[in-house]
Amino acid sequence: AAVLKKMNEPHFLMDSNPTAENIARLIYSFSKSKRLPVVSVK
């Protein structure tokens, strides 16, 4: 992350490992925060 920041490369930092499971949870949480009636994210 520090290397990418120094090089001004686009990146996104997560509190957890960027697994498919955690990315799905991230998108779900964002959708829920916008009051969408989301049930799941695959």
PDB file of all heavy atoms in Angstrom:
ATOM      1  N   ALA A   1       0.827  -1.212   0.000  1.00  0.00           N
ATOM      2  CA  ALA A   1       0.000   0.000   0.000  1.00  0.00           C
ATOM      3  C   ALA A   1       0.859   1.259   0.000  1.00  0.00           C
ATOM      4  O   ALA A   1       0.574   2.220  -0.721  1.00  0.00           O
ATOM      5  CB  ALA A   1      -0.943  -0.012   1.196  1.00  0.00           C
ATOM      6  N   ALA A   2       1.923   1.259   0.786  1.00  0.00           N
ATOM      7  CA  ALA A   2       2.819   2.427   0.841  1.00  0.00           C
ATOM      8  C   ALA A   2       3.515   2.646  -0.501  1.00  0.00           C
ATOM      9  O   ALA A   2       3.695   3.789  -0.934  1.00  0.00           O
ATOM     10  CB  ALA A   2       3.841   2.256   1.958  1.00  0.00           C
ATOM     11  N   VAL A   3       3.876   1.565  -1.155  1.00  0.00           N
ATOM     12  CA  VAL A   3       4.537   1.659  -2.457  1.00  0.00           C
ATOM     13  C   VAL A   3       3.585   2.252  -3.490  1.00  0.00           C
ATOM     14  O   VAL A   3       3.945   3.170  -4.245  1.00  0.00           O
ATOM     15  CB  VAL A   3       5.036   0.267  -2.915  1.00  0.00           C
ATOM     16  CG1 VAL A   3       5.600   0.324  -4.323  1.00  0.00           C
ATOM     17  CG2 VAL A   3       6.061  -0.288  -1.932  1.00  0.00           C
ATOM     18  N   LEU A   4       2.352   1.748  -3.516  1.00  0.00           N
ATOM     19  CA  LEU A   4       1.371   2.254  -4.476  1.00  0.00           C
ATOM     20  C   LEU A   4       1.047   3.719  -4.215  1.00  0.00           C
ATOM     21  O   LEU A   4       0.915   4.510  -5.152  1.00  0.00           O
ATOM     22  CB  LEU A   4       0.102   1.408  -4.435  1.00  0.00           C
ATOM     23  CG  LEU A   4       0.249  -0.031  -4.917  1.00  0.00           C
ATOM     24  CD1 LEU A   4      -1.062  -0.784  -4.759  1.00  0.00           C
ATOM     25  CD2 LEU A   4       0.725  -0.087  -6.352  1.00  0.00           C
ATOM     26  N   LYS A   5       0.942   4.084  -2.937  1.00  0.00           N
ATOM     27  CA  LYS A   5       0.666   5.472  -2.589  1.00  0.00           C
ATOM     28  C   LYS A   5       1.799   6.374  -3.064  1.00  0.00           C
ATOM     29  O   LYS A   5       1.556   7.427  -3.660  1.00  0.00           O
ATOM     30  CB  LYS A   5       0.464   5.619  -1.083  1.00  0.00           C
ATOM     31  CG  LYS A   5       0.098   7.021  -0.669  1.00  0.00           C
ATOM     32  CD  LYS A   5      -0.177   7.117   0.815  1.00  0.00           C
ATOM     33  CE  LYS A   5      -0.577   8.548   1.173  1.00  0.00           C
ATOM     34  NZ  LYS A   5      -0.900   8.691   2.572  1.00  0.00           N
ATOM     35  N   LYS A   6       3.023   5.959  -2.824  1.00  0.00           N
ATOM     36  CA  LYS A   6       4.199   6.737  -3.230  1.00  0.00           C
ATOM     37  C   LYS A   6       4.253   6.911  -4.749  1.00  0.00           C
ATOM     38  O   LYS A   6       4.640   7.960  -5.255  1.00  0.00           O
ATOM     39  CB  LYS A   6       5.472   6.068  -2.722  1.00  0.00           C
ATOM     40  CG  LYS A   6       6.730   6.831  -3.025  1.00  0.00           C
ATOM     41  CD  LYS A   6       7.942   6.154  -2.424  1.00  0.00           C
ATOM     42  CE  LYS A   6       9.205   6.961  -2.720  1.00  0.00           C
ATOM     43  NZ  LYS A   6      10.389   6.319  -2.162  1.00  0.00           N
ATOM     44  N   MET A   7       3.831   5.880  -5.473  1.00  0.00           N
ATOM     45  CA  MET A   7       3.847   5.916  -6.938  1.00  0.00           C
ATOM     46  C   MET A   7       2.588   6.556  -7.523  1.00  0.00           C
ATOM     47  O   MET A   7       2.435   6.632  -8.741  1.00  0.00           O
ATOM     48  CB  MET A   7       4.012   4.493  -7.478  1.00  0.00           C
ATOM     49  CG  MET A   7       5.342   3.866  -7.129  1.00  0.00           C
ATOM     50  SD  MET A   7       5.469   2.166  -7.723  1.00  0.00           S
ATOM     51  CE  MET A   7       5.410   2.421  -9.491  1.00  0.00           C
ATOM     52  N   ASN A   8       1.679   6.978  -6.651  1.00  0.00           N
ATOM     53  CA  ASN A   8       0.407   7.567  -7.074  1.00  0.00           C
ATOM     54  C   ASN A   8      -0.413   6.608  -7.935  1.00  0.00           C
ATOM     55  O   ASN A   8      -1.069   7.005  -8.897  1.00  0.00           O
ATOM     56  CB  ASN A   8       0.628   8.901  -7.792  1.00  0.00           C
ATOM     57  CG  ASN A   8      -0.618   9.765  -7.767  1.00  0.00           C
ATOM     58  OD1 ASN A   8      -1.415   9.688  -6.843  1.00  0.00           O
ATOM     59  ND2 ASN A   8      -0.775  10.591  -8.791  1.00  0.00           N
ATOM     60  N   GLU A   9      -0.345   5.323  -7.575  1.00  0.00           N
ATOM     61  CA  GLU A   9      -1.108   4.287  -8.280  1.00  0.00           C
ATOM     62  C   GLU A   9      -2.461   4.107  -7.593  1.00  0.00           C
ATOM     63  O   GLU A   9      -2.551   4.172  -6.362  1.00  0.00           O
ATOM     64  CB  GLU A   9      -0.340   2.962  -8.269  1.00  0.00           C
ATOM     65  CG  GLU A   9       0.853   2.927  -9.183  1.00  0.00           C
ATOM     66  CD  GLU A   9       0.467   2.921 -10.656  1.00  0.00           C
ATOM     67  OE1 GLU A   9      -0.569   2.340 -11.022  1.00  0.00           O
ATOM     68  OE2 GLU A   9       1.214   3.527 -11.448  1.00  0.00           O
ATOM     69  N   PRO A  10      -3.518   3.865  -8.360  1.00  0.00           N
ATOM     70  CA  PRO A  10      -4.845   3.710  -7.767  1.00  0.00           C
ATOM     71  C   PRO A  10      -4.956   2.435  -6.932  1.00  0.00           C
ATOM     72  O   PRO A  10      -4.587   1.352  -7.391  1.00  0.00           O
ATOM     73  CB  PRO A  10      -5.785   3.672  -8.966  1.00  0.00           C
ATOM     74  CG  PRO A  10      -4.938   3.307 -10.127  1.00  0.00           C
ATOM     75  CD  PRO A  10      -3.541   3.758  -9.820  1.00  0.00           C
ATOM     76  N   HIS A  11      -5.448   2.587  -5.731  1.00  0.00           N
ATOM     77  CA  HIS A  11      -5.632   1.441  -4.846  1.00  0.00           C
ATOM     78  C   HIS A  11      -6.757   1.739  -3.857  1.00  0.00           C
ATOM     79  O   HIS A  11      -7.162   2.887  -3.699  1.00  0.00           O
ATOM     80  CB  HIS A  11      -4.339   1.087  -4.116  1.00  0.00           C
ATOM     81  CG  HIS A  11      -3.803   2.175  -3.248  1.00  0.00           C
ATOM     82  ND1 HIS A  11      -3.177   3.304  -3.753  1.00  0.00           N
ATOM     83  CD2 HIS A  11      -3.802   2.316  -1.907  1.00  0.00           C
ATOM     84  CE1 HIS A  11      -2.826   4.080  -2.754  1.00  0.00           C
ATOM     85  NE2 HIS A  11      -3.194   3.514  -1.622  1.00  0.00           N
ATOM     86  N   PHE A  12      -7.255   0.684  -3.242  1.00  0.00           N
ATOM     87  CA  PHE A  12      -8.317   0.795  -2.249  1.00  0.00           C
ATOM     88  C   PHE A  12      -7.924  -0.104  -1.082  1.00  0.00           C
ATOM     89  O   PHE A  12      -7.631  -1.292  -1.279  1.00  0.00           O
ATOM     90  CB  PHE A  12      -9.661   0.347  -2.832  1.00  0.00           C
ATOM     91  CG  PHE A  12     -10.803   0.450  -1.866  1.00  0.00           C
ATOM     92  CD1 PHE A  12     -11.461   1.656  -1.679  1.00  0.00           C
ATOM     93  CD2 PHE A  12     -11.220  -0.659  -1.147  1.00  0.00           C
ATOM     94  CE1 PHE A  12     -12.524   1.759  -0.790  1.00  0.00           C
ATOM     95  CE2 PHE A  12     -12.273  -0.571  -0.250  1.00  0.00           C
ATOM     96  CZ  PHE A  12     -12.922   0.642  -0.069  1.00  0.00           C
ATOM     97  N   LEU A  13      -7.903   0.460   0.117  1.00  0.00           N
ATOM     98  CA  LEU A  13      -7.482  -0.302   1.290  1.00  0.00           C
ATOM     99  C   LEU A  13      -8.691  -0.823   2.055  1.00  0.00           C
ATOM    100  O   LEU A  13      -9.656  -0.091   2.283  1.00  0.00           O
ATOM    101  CB  LEU A  13      -6.620   0.575   2.203  1.00  0.00           C
ATOM    102  CG  LEU A  13      -5.349   1.124   1.566  1.00  0.00           C
ATOM    103  CD1 LEU A  13      -4.573   1.959   2.571  1.00  0.00           C
ATOM    104  CD2 LEU A  13      -4.487   0.000   1.017  1.00  0.00           C
ATOM    105  N   MET A  14      -8.597  -2.082   2.459  1.00  0.00           N
ATOM    106  CA  MET A  14      -9.665  -2.732   3.205  1.00  0.00           C
ATOM    107  C   MET A  14      -9.158  -3.102   4.595  1.00  0.00           C
ATOM    108  O   MET A  14      -7.964  -3.328   4.782  1.00  0.00           O
ATOM    109  CB  MET A  14     -10.138  -3.989   2.454  1.00  0.00           C
ATOM    110  CG  MET A  14     -10.715  -3.672   1.084  1.00  0.00           C
ATOM    111  SD  MET A  14     -11.241  -5.135   0.157  1.00  0.00           S
ATOM    112  CE  MET A  14     -12.529  -5.785   1.208  1.00  0.00           C
ATOM    113  N   ASP A  15     -10.058  -3.176   5.556  1.00  0.00           N
ATOM    114  CA  ASP A  15      -9.702  -3.574   6.917  1.00  0.00           C
ATOM    115  C   ASP A  15      -9.341  -5.049   6.997  1.00  0.00           C
ATOM    116  O   ASP A  15      -8.715  -5.485   7.956  1.00  0.00           O
ATOM    117  CB  ASP A  15     -10.850  -3.286   7.881  1.00  0.00           C
ATOM    118  CG  ASP A  15     -11.072  -1.801   8.088  1.00  0.00           C
ATOM    119  OD1 ASP A  15     -10.100  -1.025   7.969  1.00  0.00           O
ATOM    120  OD2 ASP A  15     -12.221  -1.413   8.356  1.00  0.00           O
ATOM    121  N   SER A  16      -9.741  -5.815   5.991  1.00  0.00           N
ATOM    122  CA  SER A  16      -9.512  -7.260   5.981  1.00  0.00           C
ATOM    123  C   SER A  16      -8.871  -7.656   4.651  1.00  0.00           C
ATOM    124  O   SER A  16      -8.684  -6.820   3.771  1.00  0.00           O
ATOM    125  CB  SER A  16     -10.842  -7.987   6.170  1.00  0.00           C
ATOM    126  OG  SER A  16     -11.773  -7.533   5.206  1.00  0.00           O
ATOM    127  N   ASN A  17      -8.539  -8.922   4.526  1.00  0.00           N
ATOM    128  CA  ASN A  17      -8.003  -9.420   3.271  1.00  0.00           C
ATOM    129  C   ASN A  17      -9.032  -9.182   2.160  1.00  0.00           C
ATOM    130  O   ASN A  17     -10.227  -9.401   2.369  1.00  0.00           O
ATOM    131  CB  ASN A  17      -7.691 -10.920   3.379  1.00  0.00           C
ATOM    132  CG  ASN A  17      -6.215 -11.212   3.343  1.00  0.00           C
ATOM    133  OD1 ASN A  17      -5.399 -10.355   3.035  1.00  0.00           O
ATOM    134  ND2 ASN A  17      -5.862 -12.443   3.652  1.00  0.00           N
ATOM    135  N   PRO A  18      -8.600  -8.751   0.974  1.00  0.00           N
ATOM    136  CA  PRO A  18      -9.533  -8.486  -0.118  1.00  0.00           C
ATOM    137  C   PRO A  18      -9.970  -9.762  -0.842  1.00  0.00           C
ATOM    138  O   PRO A  18      -9.769  -9.928  -2.046  1.00  0.00           O
ATOM    139  CB  PRO A  18      -8.736  -7.545  -1.023  1.00  0.00           C
ATOM    140  CG  PRO A  18      -7.318  -7.956  -0.807  1.00  0.00           C
ATOM    141  CD  PRO A  18      -7.236  -8.339   0.642  1.00  0.00           C
ATOM    142  N   THR A  19     -10.579 -10.658  -0.088  1.00  0.00           N
ATOM    143  CA  THR A  19     -11.111 -11.896  -0.660  1.00  0.00           C
ATOM    144  C   THR A  19     -12.436 -11.598  -1.352  1.00  0.00           C
ATOM    145  O   THR A  19     -13.058 -10.547  -1.130  1.00  0.00           O
ATOM    146  CB  THR A  19     -11.353 -12.937   0.441  1.00  0.00           C
ATOM    147  OG1 THR A  19     -12.317 -12.403   1.367  1.00  0.00           O
ATOM    148  CG2 THR A  19     -10.063 -13.295   1.173  1.00  0.00           C
ATOM    149  N   ALA A  20     -12.907 -12.530  -2.153  1.00  0.00           N
ATOM    150  CA  ALA A  20     -14.213 -12.372  -2.798  1.00  0.00           C
ATOM    151  C   ALA A  20     -15.302 -12.193  -1.740  1.00  0.00           C
ATOM    152  O   ALA A  20     -16.220 -11.382  -1.912  1.00  0.00           O
ATOM    153  CB  ALA A  20     -14.512 -13.575  -3.686  1.00  0.00           C
ATOM    154  N   GLU A  21     -15.182 -12.925  -0.636  1.00  0.00           N
ATOM    155  CA  GLU A  21     -16.168 -12.816   0.441  1.00  0.00           C
ATOM    156  C   GLU A  21     -16.205 -11.407   1.029  1.00  0.00           C
ATOM    157  O   GLU A  21     -17.285 -10.833   1.248  1.00  0.00           O
ATOM    158  CB  GLU A  21     -15.850 -13.821   1.565  1.00  0.00           C
ATOM    159  CG  GLU A  21     -15.985 -15.276   1.177  1.00  0.00           C
ATOM    160  CD  GLU A  21     -14.724 -15.885   0.546  1.00  0.00           C
ATOM    161  OE1 GLU A  21     -13.807 -15.131   0.127  1.00  0.00           O
ATOM    162  OE2 GLU A  21     -14.659 -17.121   0.455  1.00  0.00           O
ATOM    163  N   ASN A  22     -15.026 -10.857   1.287  1.00  0.00           N
ATOM    164  CA  ASN A  22     -14.960  -9.524   1.891  1.00  0.00           C
ATOM    165  C   ASN A  22     -15.340  -8.417   0.910  1.00  0.00           C
ATOM    166  O   ASN A  22     -15.897  -7.398   1.314  1.00  0.00           O
ATOM    167  CB  ASN A  22     -13.580  -9.277   2.487  1.00  0.00           C
ATOM    168  CG  ASN A  22     -13.385 -10.055   3.771  1.00  0.00           C
ATOM    169  OD1 ASN A  22     -14.318 -10.250   4.549  1.00  0.00           O
ATOM    170  ND2 ASN A  22     -12.176 -10.514   4.005  1.00  0.00           N
ATOM    171  N   ILE A  23     -15.054  -8.602  -0.360  1.00  0.00           N
ATOM    172  CA  ILE A  23     -15.477  -7.619  -1.362  1.00  0.00           C
ATOM    173  C   ILE A  23     -16.998  -7.647  -1.493  1.00  0.00           C
ATOM    174  O   ILE A  23     -17.641  -6.598  -1.581  1.00  0.00           O
ATOM    175  CB  ILE A  23     -14.779  -7.876  -2.711  1.00  0.00           C
ATOM    176  CG1 ILE A  23     -13.264  -7.711  -2.563  1.00  0.00           C
ATOM    177  CG2 ILE A  23     -15.326  -6.936  -3.786  1.00  0.00           C
ATOM    178  CD1 ILE A  23     -12.460  -8.242  -3.736  1.00  0.00           C
ATOM    179  N   ALA A  24     -17.590  -8.846  -1.476  1.00  0.00           N
ATOM    180  CA  ALA A  24     -19.053  -8.957  -1.513  1.00  0.00           C
ATOM    181  C   ALA A  24     -19.667  -8.251  -0.301  1.00  0.00           C
ATOM    182  O   ALA A  24     -20.656  -7.521  -0.429  1.00  0.00           O
ATOM    183  CB  ALA A  24     -19.474 -10.429  -1.559  1.00  0.00           C
ATOM    184  N   ARG A  25     -19.077  -8.450   0.866  1.00  0.00           N
ATOM    185  CA  ARG A  25     -19.592  -7.804   2.084  1.00  0.00           C
ATOM    186  C   ARG A  25     -19.463  -6.283   1.989  1.00  0.00           C
ATOM    187  O   ARG A  25     -20.356  -5.549   2.410  1.00  0.00           O
ATOM    188  CB  ARG A  25     -18.849  -8.316   3.316  1.00  0.00           C
ATOM    189  CG  ARG A  25     -19.325  -7.640   4.601  1.00  0.00           C
ATOM    190  CD  ARG A  25     -18.714  -8.224   5.836  1.00  0.00           C
ATOM    191  NE  ARG A  25     -17.257  -8.219   5.755  1.00  0.00           N
ATOM    192  CZ  ARG A  25     -16.470  -8.788   6.654  1.00  0.00           C
ATOM    193  NH1 ARG A  25     -16.983  -9.419   7.706  1.00  0.00           N
ATOM    194  NH2 ARG A  25     -15.164  -8.745   6.524  1.00  0.00           N
ATOM    195  N   LEU A  26     -18.362  -5.802   1.431  1.00  0.00           N
ATOM    196  CA  LEU A  26     -18.154  -4.364   1.258  1.00  0.00           C
ATOM    197  C   LEU A  26     -19.254  -3.755   0.386  1.00  0.00           C
ATOM    198  O   LEU A  26     -19.845  -2.718   0.729  1.00  0.00           O
ATOM    199  CB  LEU A  26     -16.779  -4.116   0.626  1.00  0.00           C
ATOM    200  CG  LEU A  26     -16.438  -2.682   0.251  1.00  0.00           C
ATOM    201  CD1 LEU A  26     -16.183  -1.854   1.504  1.00  0.00           C
ATOM    202  CD2 LEU A  26     -15.223  -2.658  -0.662  1.00  0.00           C
ATOM    203  N   ILE A  27     -19.546  -4.395  -0.738  1.00  0.00           N
ATOM    204  CA  ILE A  27     -20.575  -3.889  -1.654  1.00  0.00           C
ATOM    205  C   ILE A  27     -21.953  -3.984  -1.004  1.00  0.00           C
ATOM    206  O   ILE A  27     -22.774  -3.069  -1.128  1.00  0.00           O
ATOM    207  CB  ILE A  27     -20.519  -4.642  -2.999  1.00  0.00           C
ATOM    208  CG1 ILE A  27     -19.180  -4.347  -3.696  1.00  0.00           C
ATOM    209  CG2 ILE A  27     -21.696  -4.257  -3.895  1.00  0.00           C
ATOM    210  CD1 ILE A  27     -18.872  -5.238  -4.883  1.00  0.00           C
ATOM    211  N   TYR A  28     -22.213  -5.073  -0.284  1.00  0.00           N
ATOM    212  CA  TYR A  28     -23.481  -5.215   0.443  1.00  0.00           C
ATOM    213  C   TYR A  28     -23.643  -4.081   1.455  1.00  0.00           C
ATOM    214  O   TYR A  28     -24.690  -3.419   1.501  1.00  0.00           O
ATOM    215  CB  TYR A  28     -23.528  -6.570   1.161  1.00  0.00           C
ATOM    216  CG  TYR A  28     -24.753  -6.728   2.021  1.00  0.00           C
ATOM    217  CD1 TYR A  28     -25.891  -7.339   1.519  1.00  0.00           C
ATOM    218  CD2 TYR A  28     -24.784  -6.254   3.331  1.00  0.00           C
ATOM    219  CE1 TYR A  28     -27.030  -7.469   2.304  1.00  0.00           C
ATOM    220  CE2 TYR A  28     -25.909  -6.373   4.112  1.00  0.00           C
ATOM    221  CZ  TYR A  28     -27.036  -6.988   3.592  1.00  0.00           C
ATOM    222  OH  TYR A  28     -28.157  -7.091   4.365  1.00  0.00           O
ATOM    223  N   SER A  29     -22.624  -3.849   2.257  1.00  0.00           N
ATOM    224  CA  SER A  29     -22.696  -2.817   3.306  1.00  0.00           C
ATOM    225  C   SER A  29     -22.913  -1.435   2.708  1.00  0.00           C
ATOM    226  O   SER A  29     -23.697  -0.638   3.229  1.00  0.00           O
ATOM    227  CB  SER A  29     -21.425  -2.830   4.157  1.00  0.00           C
ATOM    228  OG  SER A  29     -21.309  -4.049   4.832  1.00  0.00           O
ATOM    229  N   PHE A  30     -22.234  -1.149   1.610  1.00  0.00           N
ATOM    230  CA  PHE A  30     -22.442   0.137   0.954  1.00  0.00           C
ATOM    231  C   PHE A  30     -23.888   0.248   0.474  1.00  0.00           C
ATOM    232  O   PHE A  30     -24.547   1.280   0.681  1.00  0.00           O
ATOM    233  CB  PHE A  30     -21.481   0.339  -0.216  1.00  0.00           C
ATOM    234  CG  PHE A  30     -21.774   1.606  -0.960  1.00  0.00           C
ATOM    235  CD1 PHE A  30     -21.314   2.821  -0.480  1.00  0.00           C
ATOM    236  CD2 PHE A  30     -22.555   1.589  -2.105  1.00  0.00           C
ATOM    237  CE1 PHE A  30     -21.622   4.003  -1.138  1.00  0.00           C
ATOM    238  CE2 PHE A  30     -22.872   2.759  -2.769  1.00  0.00           C
ATOM    239  CZ  PHE A  30     -22.398   3.970  -2.280  1.00  0.00           C
ATOM    240  N   SER A  31     -24.386  -0.799  -0.179  1.00  0.00           N
ATOM    241  CA  SER A  31     -25.763  -0.788  -0.701  1.00  0.00           C
ATOM    242  C   SER A  31     -26.770  -0.570   0.417  1.00  0.00           C
ATOM    243  O   SER A  31     -27.715   0.211   0.281  1.00  0.00           O
ATOM    244  CB  SER A  31     -26.061  -2.099  -1.427  1.00  0.00           C
ATOM    245  OG  SER A  31     -25.157  -2.294  -2.488  1.00  0.00           O
ATOM    246  N   LYS A  32     -26.558  -1.267   1.527  1.00  0.00           N
ATOM    247  CA  LYS A  32     -27.442  -1.129   2.686  1.00  0.00           C
ATOM    248  C   LYS A  32     -27.384   0.295   3.240  1.00  0.00           C
ATOM    249  O   LYS A  32     -28.411   0.858   3.617  1.00  0.00           O
ATOM    250  CB  LYS A  32     -27.021  -2.142   3.753  1.00  0.00           C
ATOM    251  CG  LYS A  32     -28.094  -2.606   4.671  1.00  0.00           C
ATOM    252  CD  LYS A  32     -29.202  -3.302   3.932  1.00  0.00           C
ATOM    253  CE  LYS A  32     -30.017  -4.171   4.847  1.00  0.00           C
ATOM    254  NZ  LYS A  32     -31.296  -4.540   4.255  1.00  0.00           N
ATOM    255  N   SER A  33     -26.195   0.886   3.278  1.00  0.00           N
ATOM    256  CA  SER A  33     -26.047   2.246   3.801  1.00  0.00           C
ATOM    257  C   SER A  33     -26.793   3.268   2.944  1.00  0.00           C
ATOM    258  O   SER A  33     -27.134   4.349   3.424  1.00  0.00           O
ATOM    259  CB  SER A  33     -24.568   2.639   3.903  1.00  0.00           C
ATOM    260  OG  SER A  33     -24.035   2.982   2.638  1.00  0.00           O
ATOM    261  N   LYS A  34     -27.056   2.928   1.700  1.00  0.00           N
ATOM    262  CA  LYS A  34     -27.807   3.806   0.802  1.00  0.00           C
ATOM    263  C   LYS A  34     -29.303   3.455   0.787  1.00  0.00           C
ATOM    264  O   LYS A  34     -30.040   3.901  -0.083  1.00  0.00           O
ATOM    265  CB  LYS A  34     -27.227   3.736  -0.620  1.00  0.00           C
ATOM    266  CG  LYS A  34     -25.811   4.248  -0.702  1.00  0.00           C
ATOM    267  CD  LYS A  34     -25.721   5.681  -0.217  1.00  0.00           C
ATOM    268  CE  LYS A  34     -24.319   6.233  -0.276  1.00  0.00           C
ATOM    269  NZ  LYS A  34     -24.220   7.568   0.281  1.00  0.00           N
ATOM    270  N   ARG A  35     -29.695   2.632   1.751  1.00  0.00           N
ATOM    271  CA  ARG A  35     -31.105   2.257   1.958  1.00  0.00           C
ATOM    272  C   ARG A  35     -31.709   1.458   0.809  1.00  0.00           C
ATOM    273  O   ARG A  35     -32.913   1.494   0.588  1.00  0.00           O
ATOM    274  CB  ARG A  35     -31.952   3.467   2.283  1.00  0.00           C
ATOM    275  CG  ARG A  35     -31.514   4.139   3.559  1.00  0.00           C
ATOM    276  CD  ARG A  35     -32.379   5.298   3.920  1.00  0.00           C
ATOM    277  NE  ARG A  35     -32.032   5.728   5.261  1.00  0.00           N
ATOM    278  CZ  ARG A  35     -32.903   5.877   6.234  1.00  0.00           C
ATOM    279  NH1 ARG A  35     -34.168   5.659   6.026  1.00  0.00           N
ATOM    280  NH2 ARG A  35     -32.494   6.249   7.424  1.00  0.00           N
ATOM    281  N   LEU A  36     -30.881   0.757   0.079  1.00  0.00           N
ATOM    282  CA  LEU A  36     -31.389  -0.143  -0.943  1.00  0.00           C
ATOM    283  C   LEU A  36     -31.839  -1.434  -0.255  1.00  0.00           C
ATOM    284  O   LEU A  36     -31.197  -1.878   0.704  1.00  0.00           O
ATOM    285  CB  LEU A  36     -30.302  -0.442  -1.982  1.00  0.00           C
ATOM    286  CG  LEU A  36     -29.915   0.729  -2.878  1.00  0.00           C
ATOM    287  CD1 LEU A  36     -28.695   0.374  -3.722  1.00  0.00           C
ATOM    288  CD2 LEU A  36     -31.078   1.125  -3.775  1.00  0.00           C
ATOM    289  N   PRO A  37     -32.899  -2.061  -0.739  1.00  0.00           N
ATOM    290  CA  PRO A  37     -33.397  -3.286  -0.106  1.00  0.00           C
ATOM    291  C   PRO A  37     -32.587  -4.524  -0.519  1.00  0.00           C
ATOM    292  O   PRO A  37     -33.128  -5.506  -1.027  1.00  0.00           O
ATOM    293  CB  PRO A  37     -34.848  -3.352  -0.580  1.00  0.00           C
ATOM    294  CG  PRO A  37     -34.821  -2.714  -1.932  1.00  0.00           C
ATOM    295  CD  PRO A  37     -33.801  -1.604  -1.815  1.00  0.00           C
ATOM    296  N   VAL A  38     -31.291  -4.459  -0.295  1.00  0.00           N
ATOM    297  CA  VAL A  38     -30.384  -5.525  -0.714  1.00  0.00           C
ATOM    298  C   VAL A  38     -30.532  -6.733   0.201  1.00  0.00           C
ATOM    299  O   VAL A  38     -30.639  -6.605   1.417  1.00  0.00           O
ATOM    300  CB  VAL A  38     -28.929  -5.023  -0.773  1.00  0.00           C
ATOM    301  CG1 VAL A  38     -28.431  -4.570   0.580  1.00  0.00           C
ATOM    302  CG2 VAL A  38     -28.001  -6.071  -1.332  1.00  0.00           C
ATOM    303  N   VAL A  39     -30.554  -7.904  -0.409  1.00  0.00           N
ATOM    304  CA  VAL A  39     -30.635  -9.177   0.310  1.00  0.00           C
ATOM    305  C   VAL A  39     -29.266  -9.840   0.345  1.00  0.00           C
ATOM    306  O   VAL A  39     -28.840 -10.375   1.353  1.00  0.00           O
ATOM    307  CB  VAL A  39     -31.653 -10.124  -0.362  1.00  0.00           C
ATOM    308  CG1 VAL A  39     -31.636 -11.501   0.270  1.00  0.00           C
ATOM    309  CG2 VAL A  39     -33.039  -9.517  -0.329  1.00  0.00           C
ATOM    310  N   SER A  40     -28.583  -9.776  -0.810  1.00  0.00           N
ATOM    311  CA  SER A  40     -27.269 -10.410  -0.902  1.00  0.00           C
ATOM    312  C   SER A  40     -26.477  -9.805  -2.048  1.00  0.00           C
ATOM    313  O   SER A  40     -27.041  -9.184  -2.950  1.00  0.00           O
ATOM    314  CB  SER A  40     -27.398 -11.925  -1.110  1.00  0.00           C
ATOM    315  OG  SER A  40     -27.965 -12.207  -2.367  1.00  0.00           O
ATOM    316  N   VAL A  41     -25.165 -10.018  -1.964  1.00  0.00           N
ATOM    317  CA  VAL A  41     -24.271  -9.654  -3.065  1.00  0.00           C
ATOM    318  C   VAL A  41     -23.441 -10.887  -3.371  1.00  0.00           C
ATOM    319  O   VAL A  41     -22.837 -11.486  -2.475  1.00  0.00           O
ATOM    320  CB  VAL A  41     -23.360  -8.461  -2.711  1.00  0.00           C
ATOM    321  CG1 VAL A  41     -22.297  -8.254  -3.791  1.00  0.00           C
ATOM    322  CG2 VAL A  41     -24.182  -7.190  -2.520  1.00  0.00           C
ATOM    323  N   LYS A  42     -23.435 -11.253  -4.636  1.00  0.00           N
ATOM    324  CA  LYS A  42     -22.611 -12.357  -5.122  1.00  0.00           C
ATOM    325  C   LYS A  42     -21.472 -11.744  -5.913  1.00  0.00           C
ATOM    326  O   LYS A  42     -21.713 -10.984  -6.851  1.00  0.00           O
ATOM    327  CB  LYS A  42     -23.440 -13.281  -6.012  1.00  0.00           C
ATOM    328  CG  LYS A  42     -22.690 -14.497  -6.528  1.00  0.00           C
ATOM    329  CD  LYS A  42     -23.533 -15.334  -7.482  1.00  0.00           C
ATOM    330  CE  LYS A  42     -24.657 -16.009  -6.757  1.00  0.00           C
ATOM    331  NZ  LYS A  42     -25.427 -16.920  -7.662  1.00  0.00           N
TER     332      LYS A  42
END
